[in-house]
Amino acid sequence: QVQLVESGGGLVQPGGSLRLSCAASGTIFSNVVMGWYRQAPGKERELVARITSGDSINYVDSVKGRFTISRDSAKNTVYLQMNSLKPEDTAVYYCNVRLYRSNVLLANYWGQGTQVTVSS
């Protein structure tokens, strides 16, 4: 069983920065995809960024050039550095970890969510 604990959300003005952290406890399998999703009021939850155990990275188009996802395998932690924040980035951000074995999804874990609000 894996537990995810998120931190780093808050209130910032447009153009500001935040760094989200997600620390995983428990056994981490070899093939892992770690990512960040967000859900704004009245909108569907969307994938923001993800990183694989092989360091393959994907971003949603709206955050390219502004957000950076990274991981520290020794600490079982994934980060999301968010720069040049815009009001449309306001959402609850959720950490997600998926464990695979031979391309089969074994488990899907979610963090508790952390609020990011970008407003003047």
Protein backbone atom coordinates (compact mmCIF):
# COMPACT_ATOMS: atom_id res chain seq x y z
CA GLN A 1 0.00 0.00 0.00
CA VAL A 2 1.26 3.45 -0.99
CA GLN A 3 0.33 6.69 0.73
CA LEU A 4 0.81 10.08 -0.92
CA VAL A 5 1.16 13.30 1.05
CA GLU A 6 1.00 16.59 -0.83
CA SER A 7 2.21 20.02 0.22
CA GLY A 8 3.09 23.41 -1.24
CA GLY A 9 -0.22 24.89 -2.32
CA GLY A 10 -1.34 28.37 -1.44
CA LEU A 11 -2.45 31.79 -2.62
CA VAL A 12 -0.24 33.73 -5.03
CA GLN A 13 -0.59 36.72 -7.32
CA PRO A 14 -0.43 36.35 -11.10
CA GLY A 15 3.17 35.90 -12.19
CA GLY A 16 4.14 34.27 -8.93
CA SER A 17 5.57 30.82 -8.26
CA LEU A 18 4.81 27.78 -6.17
CA ARG A 19 6.40 24.38 -5.80
CA LEU A 20 4.24 21.38 -5.03
CA SER A 21 5.67 18.27 -3.41
CA CYS A 22 4.27 14.77 -3.17
CA ALA A 23 5.99 12.27 -0.92
CA ALA A 24 5.18 8.58 -1.29
CA SER A 25 5.50 6.09 1.53
CA GLY A 26 5.41 2.33 1.23
CA THR A 27 6.81 0.02 -1.40
CA ILE A 28 7.37 1.56 -4.83
CA PHE A 29 7.43 -0.85 -7.76
CA SER A 30 9.92 -0.69 -10.61
CA ASN A 31 7.63 0.71 -13.31
CA VAL A 32 6.08 3.89 -11.98
CA VAL A 33 4.33 6.87 -13.50
CA MET A 34 4.09 9.88 -11.20
CA GLY A 35 1.99 12.84 -12.18
CA TRP A 36 -0.02 15.88 -11.26
CA TYR A 37 -3.67 16.44 -12.09
CA ARG A 38 -5.80 19.47 -11.40
CA GLN A 39 -9.49 20.20 -11.18
CA ALA A 40 -10.89 23.71 -11.41
CA PRO A 41 -14.46 24.61 -10.41
CA GLY A 42 -16.91 23.43 -13.03
CA LYS A 43 -14.27 21.62 -15.06
CA GLU A 44 -13.13 18.04 -15.47
CA ARG A 45 -9.97 16.81 -13.83
CA GLU A 46 -7.08 17.10 -16.27
CA LEU A 47 -3.54 15.78 -16.43
CA VAL A 48 -1.02 18.57 -15.92
CA ALA A 49 2.29 16.72 -16.06
CA ARG A 50 3.69 13.24 -15.63
CA ILE A 51 7.07 11.59 -15.38
CA THR A 52 7.94 7.91 -15.76
CA SER A 53 10.56 5.82 -14.03
CA GLY A 54 12.56 6.20 -17.24
CA ASP A 55 12.34 10.02 -17.00
CA SER A 56 9.96 10.44 -19.90
CA ILE A 57 7.99 13.67 -19.31
CA ASN A 58 4.74 15.04 -20.68
CA TYR A 59 2.91 18.32 -20.06
CA VAL A 60 -0.46 19.65 -20.99
CA ASP A 61 -0.01 22.39 -23.59
CA SER A 62 -1.30 25.16 -21.34
CA VAL A 63 1.60 24.79 -18.86
CA LYS A 64 4.51 24.14 -21.21
CA GLY A 65 7.36 26.54 -20.56
CA ARG A 66 5.97 27.50 -17.16
CA PHE A 67 5.76 24.27 -15.13
CA THR A 68 8.47 21.70 -14.50
CA ILE A 69 7.94 18.22 -13.12
CA SER A 70 10.79 16.35 -11.48
CA ARG A 71 11.36 13.47 -9.12
CA ASP A 72 13.79 12.34 -6.46
CA SER A 73 13.81 8.55 -6.53
CA ALA A 74 15.80 8.26 -3.30
CA LYS A 75 13.11 10.22 -1.47
CA ASN A 76 10.15 8.76 -3.39
CA THR A 77 9.05 12.31 -4.06
CA VAL A 78 7.70 14.10 -7.12
CA TYR A 79 7.68 17.89 -7.51
CA LEU A 80 5.87 20.40 -9.65
CA GLN A 81 7.59 23.77 -9.98
CA MET A 82 5.02 26.30 -11.18
CA ASN A 83 6.24 29.65 -12.48
CA SER A 84 4.48 32.56 -14.17
CA LEU A 85 1.21 31.48 -12.64
CA LYS A 86 -2.02 32.64 -14.21
CA PRO A 87 -5.53 32.90 -12.75
CA GLU A 88 -6.59 30.00 -14.97
CA ASP A 89 -4.13 27.79 -13.07
CA THR A 90 -6.39 28.03 -10.03
CA ALA A 91 -7.47 24.52 -9.09
CA VAL A 92 -7.07 21.71 -6.63
CA TYR A 93 -3.92 19.84 -7.59
CA TYR A 94 -3.73 16.10 -7.02
CA CYS A 95 -0.67 13.90 -6.99
CA ASN A 96 -1.08 10.57 -8.75
CA VAL A 97 1.08 7.46 -8.77
CA ARG A 98 0.44 4.48 -11.03
CA LEU A 99 2.27 1.19 -10.68
CA TYR A 100 2.71 -1.11 -13.67
CA ARG A 101 3.96 -4.62 -14.27
CA SER A 102 4.52 -5.71 -17.89
CA ASN A 103 2.34 -2.82 -19.08
CA VAL A 104 -0.50 -3.87 -16.78
CA LEU A 105 -1.78 -1.34 -14.26
CA LEU A 106 -1.45 -2.82 -10.80
CA ALA A 107 -2.41 0.11 -8.60
CA ASN A 108 -3.51 3.72 -8.84
CA TYR A 109 -2.93 6.06 -5.88
CA TRP A 110 -4.06 9.64 -5.27
CA GLY A 111 -2.92 12.34 -2.90
CA GLN A 112 -5.33 14.33 -0.79
CA GLY A 113 -5.20 17.40 -3.02
CA THR A 114 -3.75 20.84 -2.40
CA GLN A 115 -5.40 24.14 -3.32
CA VAL A 116 -3.61 26.54 -5.65
CA THR A 117 -5.23 29.95 -6.01
CA VAL A 118 -3.84 32.60 -8.36
CA SER A 119 -5.56 35.93 -7.82
CA SER A 120 -4.93 39.63 -7.40
